Amino acid sequence: METMTIIFLLFVLFQVVRVRLLVFTDVTPAPIETPPSIQKAGTLDDFNTLLASNDSVVIDFYADWCGPCRVIAPIFASLSEAHSTPGKLAFAKVNADDASVKDIVAKYDVHGLPSFLIFRKGENIGVKVDGYGANSANRAAIVDDEGRVTRIRGADKKALEAVVKALVIEEGLPLEGAPKATKVKEDEKKKE
């Protein structure tokens, strides 16, 4: 009988400890890290300033709790680090859960996360991308009547990379790797 009482008390103690751990443990996901090459648009003023001060902007609407947002975040970060050019091409993030940007989220009809919106000259007019037209099989890329990708729904790496490449080309910026090739040529000339 004493053994049963001890087992029962240990079981109750285990349950109490388990419940306390579940109740008092913070399970909030850590915020998604943002490199310096990505701007944060936390207010409507930030958002409008960002659009007005850059020719092209790719904006990632995300949430800290969103799994696909976390998956695509490092890809978005590497694209921004490789191609961000002040005044020409900017990359930004908008936390769709933040109350201060609810008007932006509503204005651009952002429902699914992540959503990447492409802005040119301050407007959500997008960019033409090879292979992404009105008859494209890719359902993540939203194409307007003029064949421009205006938004990407979901964590579609291929579509995001294609859009950024098209923006880089249209802005006349060097594609990733171009400066390295120039440096190699300069080094070869010095050897001669």
C-alpha atoms as a PDB file:
ATOM      1  CA  MET A   1       0.000   0.000   0.000  1.00  0.00           C
ATOM      2  CA  GLU A   2       2.827   2.413   0.819  1.00  0.00           C
ATOM      3  CA  THR A   3       4.403   1.746  -2.570  1.00  0.00           C
ATOM      4  CA  MET A   4       1.167   2.661  -4.329  1.00  0.00           C
ATOM      5  CA  THR A   5       0.916   5.896  -2.340  1.00  0.00           C
ATOM      6  CA  ILE A   6       4.497   6.855  -3.199  1.00  0.00           C
ATOM      7  CA  ILE A   7       3.929   6.089  -6.890  1.00  0.00           C
ATOM      8  CA  PHE A   8       0.703   8.103  -6.853  1.00  0.00           C
ATOM      9  CA  LEU A   9       2.388  11.090  -5.186  1.00  0.00           C
ATOM     10  CA  LEU A  10       5.293  10.984  -7.635  1.00  0.00           C
ATOM     11  CA  PHE A  11       2.804  10.881 -10.514  1.00  0.00           C
ATOM     12  CA  VAL A  12       0.919  13.904  -9.137  1.00  0.00           C
ATOM     13  CA  LEU A  13       4.180  15.795  -8.592  1.00  0.00           C
ATOM     14  CA  PHE A  14       5.265  15.012 -12.162  1.00  0.00           C
ATOM     15  CA  GLN A  15       1.939  16.314 -13.519  1.00  0.00           C
ATOM     16  CA  VAL A  16       2.186  19.535 -11.507  1.00  0.00           C
ATOM     17  CA  VAL A  17       5.713  20.202 -12.748  1.00  0.00           C
ATOM     18  CA  ARG A  18       4.717  19.415 -16.337  1.00  0.00           C
ATOM     19  CA  VAL A  19       1.717  21.760 -16.217  1.00  0.00           C
ATOM     20  CA  ARG A  20       3.794  24.575 -14.700  1.00  0.00           C
ATOM     21  CA  LEU A  21       6.376  24.181 -17.475  1.00  0.00           C
ATOM     22  CA  LEU A  22       3.698  24.317 -20.147  1.00  0.00           C
ATOM     23  CA  VAL A  23       1.891  27.286 -18.644  1.00  0.00           C
ATOM     24  CA  PHE A  24       4.881  29.427 -17.722  1.00  0.00           C
ATOM     25  CA  THR A  25       7.183  28.664 -20.648  1.00  0.00           C
ATOM     26  CA  ASP A  26       7.290  31.402 -23.272  1.00  0.00           C
ATOM     27  CA  VAL A  27       6.656  29.768 -26.652  1.00  0.00           C
ATOM     28  CA  THR A  28       6.619  32.995 -28.635  1.00  0.00           C
ATOM     29  CA  PRO A  29       8.901  32.581 -31.658  1.00  0.00           C
ATOM     30  CA  ALA A  30      11.945  34.792 -31.804  1.00  0.00           C
ATOM     31  CA  PRO A  31      11.672  37.696 -34.251  1.00  0.00           C
ATOM     32  CA  ILE A  32      13.016  37.070 -37.728  1.00  0.00           C
ATOM     33  CA  GLU A  33      16.522  38.551 -38.030  1.00  0.00           C
ATOM     34  CA  THR A  34      16.831  41.425 -40.485  1.00  0.00           C
ATOM     35  CA  PRO A  35      20.190  42.408 -41.993  1.00  0.00           C
ATOM     36  CA  PRO A  36      21.046  46.110 -42.496  1.00  0.00           C
ATOM     37  CA  SER A  37      20.353  45.826 -46.233  1.00  0.00           C
ATOM     38  CA  ILE A  38      16.630  45.335 -45.469  1.00  0.00           C
ATOM     39  CA  GLN A  39      14.664  48.325 -44.250  1.00  0.00           C
ATOM     40  CA  LYS A  40      11.761  47.974 -41.807  1.00  0.00           C
ATOM     41  CA  ALA A  41       8.571  49.851 -42.674  1.00  0.00           C
ATOM     42  CA  GLY A  42       6.879  50.029 -39.298  1.00  0.00           C
ATOM     43  CA  THR A  43       4.562  52.968 -40.009  1.00  0.00           C
ATOM     44  CA  LEU A  44       2.690  54.428 -42.964  1.00  0.00           C
ATOM     45  CA  ASP A  45       5.193  57.322 -43.057  1.00  0.00           C
ATOM     46  CA  ASP A  46       8.146  54.863 -43.196  1.00  0.00           C
ATOM     47  CA  PHE A  47       6.396  52.981 -45.982  1.00  0.00           C
ATOM     48  CA  ASN A  48       5.686  56.092 -48.068  1.00  0.00           C
ATOM     49  CA  THR A  49       9.224  57.458 -47.560  1.00  0.00           C
ATOM     50  CA  LEU A  50      10.691  54.133 -48.658  1.00  0.00           C
ATOM     51  CA  LEU A  51       8.607  54.094 -51.852  1.00  0.00           C
ATOM     52  CA  ALA A  52       9.362  57.748 -52.641  1.00  0.00           C
ATOM     53  CA  SER A  53      13.127  57.450 -52.165  1.00  0.00           C
ATOM     54  CA  ASN A  54      13.758  54.371 -54.347  1.00  0.00           C
ATOM     55  CA  ASP A  55      13.025  53.538 -57.989  1.00  0.00           C
ATOM     56  CA  SER A  56      12.144  49.921 -57.186  1.00  0.00           C
ATOM     57  CA  VAL A  57      11.229  48.248 -53.908  1.00  0.00           C
ATOM     58  CA  VAL A  58      10.530  44.621 -53.006  1.00  0.00           C
ATOM     59  CA  ILE A  59       8.515  44.411 -49.798  1.00  0.00           C
ATOM     60  CA  ASP A  60       8.150  41.251 -47.737  1.00  0.00           C
ATOM     61  CA  PHE A  61       4.915  41.133 -45.729  1.00  0.00           C
ATOM     62  CA  TYR A  62       5.586  38.608 -42.968  1.00  0.00           C
ATOM     63  CA  ALA A  63       4.769  37.588 -39.395  1.00  0.00           C
ATOM     64  CA  ASP A  64       7.087  36.233 -36.705  1.00  0.00           C
ATOM     65  CA  TRP A  65       4.864  33.175 -36.161  1.00  0.00           C
ATOM     66  CA  CYS A  66       4.751  32.277 -39.890  1.00  0.00           C
ATOM     67  CA  GLY A  67       6.798  29.161 -40.740  1.00  0.00           C
ATOM     68  CA  PRO A  68       7.098  29.818 -44.502  1.00  0.00           C
ATOM     69  CA  CYS A  69       8.146  33.414 -43.696  1.00  0.00           C
ATOM     70  CA  ARG A  70      11.026  32.022 -41.642  1.00  0.00           C
ATOM     71  CA  VAL A  71      12.016  29.653 -44.461  1.00  0.00           C
ATOM     72  CA  ILE A  72      12.220  32.361 -47.135  1.00  0.00           C
ATOM     73  CA  ALA A  73      13.753  35.062 -44.858  1.00  0.00           C
ATOM     74  CA  PRO A  74      17.409  34.016 -45.424  1.00  0.00           C
ATOM     75  CA  ILE A  75      16.861  33.969 -49.200  1.00  0.00           C
ATOM     76  CA  PHE A  76      15.286  37.434 -49.118  1.00  0.00           C
ATOM     77  CA  ALA A  77      18.195  38.600 -46.938  1.00  0.00           C
ATOM     78  CA  SER A  78      20.841  37.259 -49.345  1.00  0.00           C
ATOM     79  CA  LEU A  79      19.077  38.875 -52.314  1.00  0.00           C
ATOM     80  CA  SER A  80      18.969  42.195 -50.465  1.00  0.00           C
ATOM     81  CA  GLU A  81      22.640  41.995 -49.489  1.00  0.00           C
ATOM     82  CA  ALA A  82      23.645  41.229 -53.076  1.00  0.00           C
ATOM     83  CA  HIS A  83      21.448  43.763 -54.887  1.00  0.00           C
ATOM     84  CA  SER A  84      20.313  46.567 -52.571  1.00  0.00           C
ATOM     85  CA  THR A  85      21.365  49.897 -54.086  1.00  0.00           C
ATOM     86  CA  PRO A  86      20.348  53.180 -52.408  1.00  0.00           C
ATOM     87  CA  GLY A  87      17.898  55.146 -54.516  1.00  0.00           C
ATOM     88  CA  LYS A  88      17.612  52.379 -57.098  1.00  0.00           C
ATOM     89  CA  LEU A  89      16.585  49.049 -55.572  1.00  0.00           C
ATOM     90  CA  ALA A  90      15.512  48.596 -51.969  1.00  0.00           C
ATOM     91  CA  PHE A  91      14.299  45.646 -49.925  1.00  0.00           C
ATOM     92  CA  ALA A  92      11.957  46.053 -46.974  1.00  0.00           C
ATOM     93  CA  LYS A  93       9.918  44.065 -44.486  1.00  0.00           C
ATOM     94  CA  VAL A  94       6.497  44.833 -43.059  1.00  0.00           C
ATOM     95  CA  ASN A  95       5.270  42.837 -40.068  1.00  0.00           C
ATOM     96  CA  ALA A  96       1.645  42.241 -41.075  1.00  0.00           C
ATOM     97  CA  ASP A  97       0.671  41.633 -37.425  1.00  0.00           C
ATOM     98  CA  ASP A  98       1.829  45.089 -36.315  1.00  0.00           C
ATOM     99  CA  ALA A  99      -1.176  47.340 -35.606  1.00  0.00           C
ATOM    100  CA  SER A 100       0.657  50.390 -36.998  1.00  0.00           C
ATOM    101  CA  VAL A 101       0.668  48.932 -40.530  1.00  0.00           C
ATOM    102  CA  LYS A 102      -2.873  47.522 -40.696  1.00  0.00           C
ATOM    103  CA  ASP A 103      -3.830  50.251 -43.202  1.00  0.00           C
ATOM    104  CA  ILE A 104      -0.991  49.208 -45.525  1.00  0.00           C
ATOM    105  CA  VAL A 105      -1.921  45.537 -45.240  1.00  0.00           C
ATOM    106  CA  ALA A 106      -5.556  46.366 -46.046  1.00  0.00           C
ATOM    107  CA  LYS A 107      -4.719  48.789 -48.898  1.00  0.00           C
ATOM    108  CA  TYR A 108      -2.644  46.189 -50.734  1.00  0.00           C
ATOM    109  CA  ASP A 109      -5.007  43.309 -49.899  1.00  0.00           C
ATOM    110  CA  VAL A 110      -2.369  41.175 -48.170  1.00  0.00           C
ATOM    111  CA  HIS A 111      -4.008  37.994 -46.890  1.00  0.00           C
ATOM    112  CA  GLY A 112      -1.507  35.158 -47.128  1.00  0.00           C
ATOM    113  CA  LEU A 113       1.972  35.277 -45.668  1.00  0.00           C
ATOM    114  CA  PRO A 114       4.569  35.716 -46.827  1.00  0.00           C
ATOM    115  CA  SER A 115       3.549  38.066 -49.632  1.00  0.00           C
ATOM    116  CA  PHE A 116       6.132  39.964 -51.647  1.00  0.00           C
ATOM    117  CA  LEU A 117       4.921  43.122 -53.394  1.00  0.00           C
ATOM    118  CA  ILE A 118       6.911  44.772 -56.154  1.00  0.00           C
ATOM    119  CA  PHE A 119       6.841  48.562 -56.429  1.00  0.00           C
ATOM    120  CA  ARG A 120       8.160  50.725 -59.261  1.00  0.00           C
ATOM    121  CA  LYS A 121       8.203  54.528 -58.964  1.00  0.00           C
ATOM    122  CA  GLY A 122       6.074  54.296 -55.813  1.00  0.00           C
ATOM    123  CA  GLU A 123       3.314  52.191 -57.362  1.00  0.00           C
ATOM    124  CA  ASN A 124       2.571  48.466 -57.140  1.00  0.00           C
ATOM    125  CA  ILE A 125       3.051  47.998 -60.888  1.00  0.00           C
ATOM    126  CA  GLY A 126       5.554  45.152 -60.852  1.00  0.00           C
ATOM    127  CA  VAL A 127       8.065  44.024 -63.426  1.00  0.00           C
ATOM    128  CA  LYS A 128       8.041  41.808 -66.507  1.00  0.00           C
ATOM    129  CA  VAL A 129       9.769  38.512 -65.804  1.00  0.00           C
ATOM    130  CA  ASP A 130      10.735  35.924 -68.432  1.00  0.00           C
ATOM    131  CA  GLY A 131       8.594  32.820 -68.007  1.00  0.00           C
ATOM    132  CA  TYR A 132       6.008  34.551 -65.804  1.00  0.00           C
ATOM    133  CA  GLY A 133       3.217  35.774 -68.032  1.00  0.00           C
ATOM    134  CA  ALA A 134      -0.555  35.496 -68.102  1.00  0.00           C
ATOM    135  CA  ASN A 135      -0.338  31.805 -69.069  1.00  0.00           C
ATOM    136  CA  SER A 136       2.385  30.876 -66.596  1.00  0.00           C
ATOM    137  CA  ALA A 137       1.957  27.659 -64.652  1.00  0.00           C
ATOM    138  CA  ASN A 138       3.407  29.366 -61.562  1.00  0.00           C
ATOM    139  CA  ARG A 139       0.467  30.282 -59.336  1.00  0.00           C
ATOM    140  CA  ALA A 140       2.599  32.067 -56.731  1.00  0.00           C
ATOM    141  CA  ALA A 141       3.414  34.955 -59.075  1.00  0.00           C
ATOM    142  CA  ILE A 142       0.473  37.314 -59.567  1.00  0.00           C
ATOM    143  CA  VAL A 143       0.636  38.860 -63.027  1.00  0.00           C
ATOM    144  CA  ASP A 144      -1.305  41.974 -64.099  1.00  0.00           C
ATOM    145  CA  ASP A 145      -3.002  42.563 -67.480  1.00  0.00           C
ATOM    146  CA  GLU A 146       0.251  43.894 -68.944  1.00  0.00           C
ATOM    147  CA  GLY A 147       2.226  40.774 -68.031  1.00  0.00           C
ATOM    148  CA  ARG A 148       4.051  42.243 -65.022  1.00  0.00           C
ATOM    149  CA  VAL A 149       4.570  40.326 -61.794  1.00  0.00           C
ATOM    150  CA  THR A 150       3.112  42.574 -59.094  1.00  0.00           C
ATOM    151  CA  ARG A 151       3.193  40.164 -56.158  1.00  0.00           C
ATOM    152  CA  ILE A 152       4.414  36.757 -55.079  1.00  0.00           C
ATOM    153  CA  ARG A 153       2.229  34.767 -52.710  1.00  0.00           C
ATOM    154  CA  GLY A 154       4.037  32.305 -50.489  1.00  0.00           C
ATOM    155  CA  ALA A 155       7.652  31.312 -50.017  1.00  0.00           C
ATOM    156  CA  ASP A 156       8.449  30.705 -53.700  1.00  0.00           C
ATOM    157  CA  LYS A 157      12.236  31.001 -53.951  1.00  0.00           C
ATOM    158  CA  LYS A 158      12.349  30.619 -57.742  1.00  0.00           C
ATOM    159  CA  ALA A 159       9.766  33.360 -58.354  1.00  0.00           C
ATOM    160  CA  LEU A 160      11.404  35.731 -55.857  1.00  0.00           C
ATOM    161  CA  GLU A 161      14.836  35.267 -57.425  1.00  0.00           C
ATOM    162  CA  ALA A 162      13.407  35.758 -60.934  1.00  0.00           C
ATOM    163  CA  VAL A 163      11.652  38.997 -59.939  1.00  0.00           C
ATOM    164  CA  VAL A 164      14.755  40.416 -58.255  1.00  0.00           C
ATOM    165  CA  LYS A 165      16.887  39.487 -61.277  1.00  0.00           C
ATOM    166  CA  ALA A 166      14.424  41.275 -63.592  1.00  0.00           C
ATOM    167  CA  LEU A 167      14.472  44.373 -61.363  1.00  0.00           C
ATOM    168  CA  VAL A 168      18.273  44.365 -61.260  1.00  0.00           C
ATOM    169  CA  ILE A 169      18.423  44.205 -65.060  1.00  0.00           C
ATOM    170  CA  GLU A 170      15.788  46.940 -65.513  1.00  0.00           C
ATOM    171  CA  GLU A 171      17.581  49.216 -63.054  1.00  0.00           C
ATOM    172  CA  GLY A 172      20.854  48.669 -64.949  1.00  0.00           C
ATOM    173  CA  LEU A 173      22.581  47.242 -61.884  1.00  0.00           C
ATOM    174  CA  PRO A 174      25.259  44.543 -62.058  1.00  0.00           C
ATOM    175  CA  LEU A 175      24.013  41.021 -61.519  1.00  0.00           C
ATOM    176  CA  GLU A 176      25.500  39.088 -58.614  1.00  0.00           C
ATOM    177  CA  GLY A 177      29.029  38.048 -59.427  1.00  0.00           C
ATOM    178  CA  ALA A 178      29.697  40.833 -61.930  1.00  0.00           C
ATOM    179  CA  PRO A 179      31.995  42.864 -59.647  1.00  0.00           C
ATOM    180  CA  LYS A 180      34.043  39.737 -58.884  1.00  0.00           C
ATOM    181  CA  ALA A 181      34.591  39.093 -62.593  1.00  0.00           C
ATOM    182  CA  THR A 182      35.780  42.690 -63.050  1.00  0.00           C
ATOM    183  CA  LYS A 183      38.227  42.326 -60.158  1.00  0.00           C
ATOM    184  CA  VAL A 184      39.659  39.123 -61.647  1.00  0.00           C
ATOM    185  CA  LYS A 185      40.225  40.901 -64.970  1.00  0.00           C
ATOM    186  CA  GLU A 186      41.966  43.799 -63.179  1.00  0.00           C
ATOM    187  CA  ASP A 187      44.221  41.341 -61.305  1.00  0.00           C
ATOM    188  CA  GLU A 188      45.128  39.603 -64.596  1.00  0.00           C
ATOM    189  CA  LYS A 189      46.064  42.953 -66.164  1.00  0.00           C
ATOM    190  CA  LYS A 190      48.363  43.757 -63.226  1.00  0.00           C
ATOM    191  CA  LYS A 191      50.180  40.422 -63.702  1.00  0.00           C
ATOM    192  CA  GLU A 192      50.921  41.243 -67.342  1.00  0.00           C
END
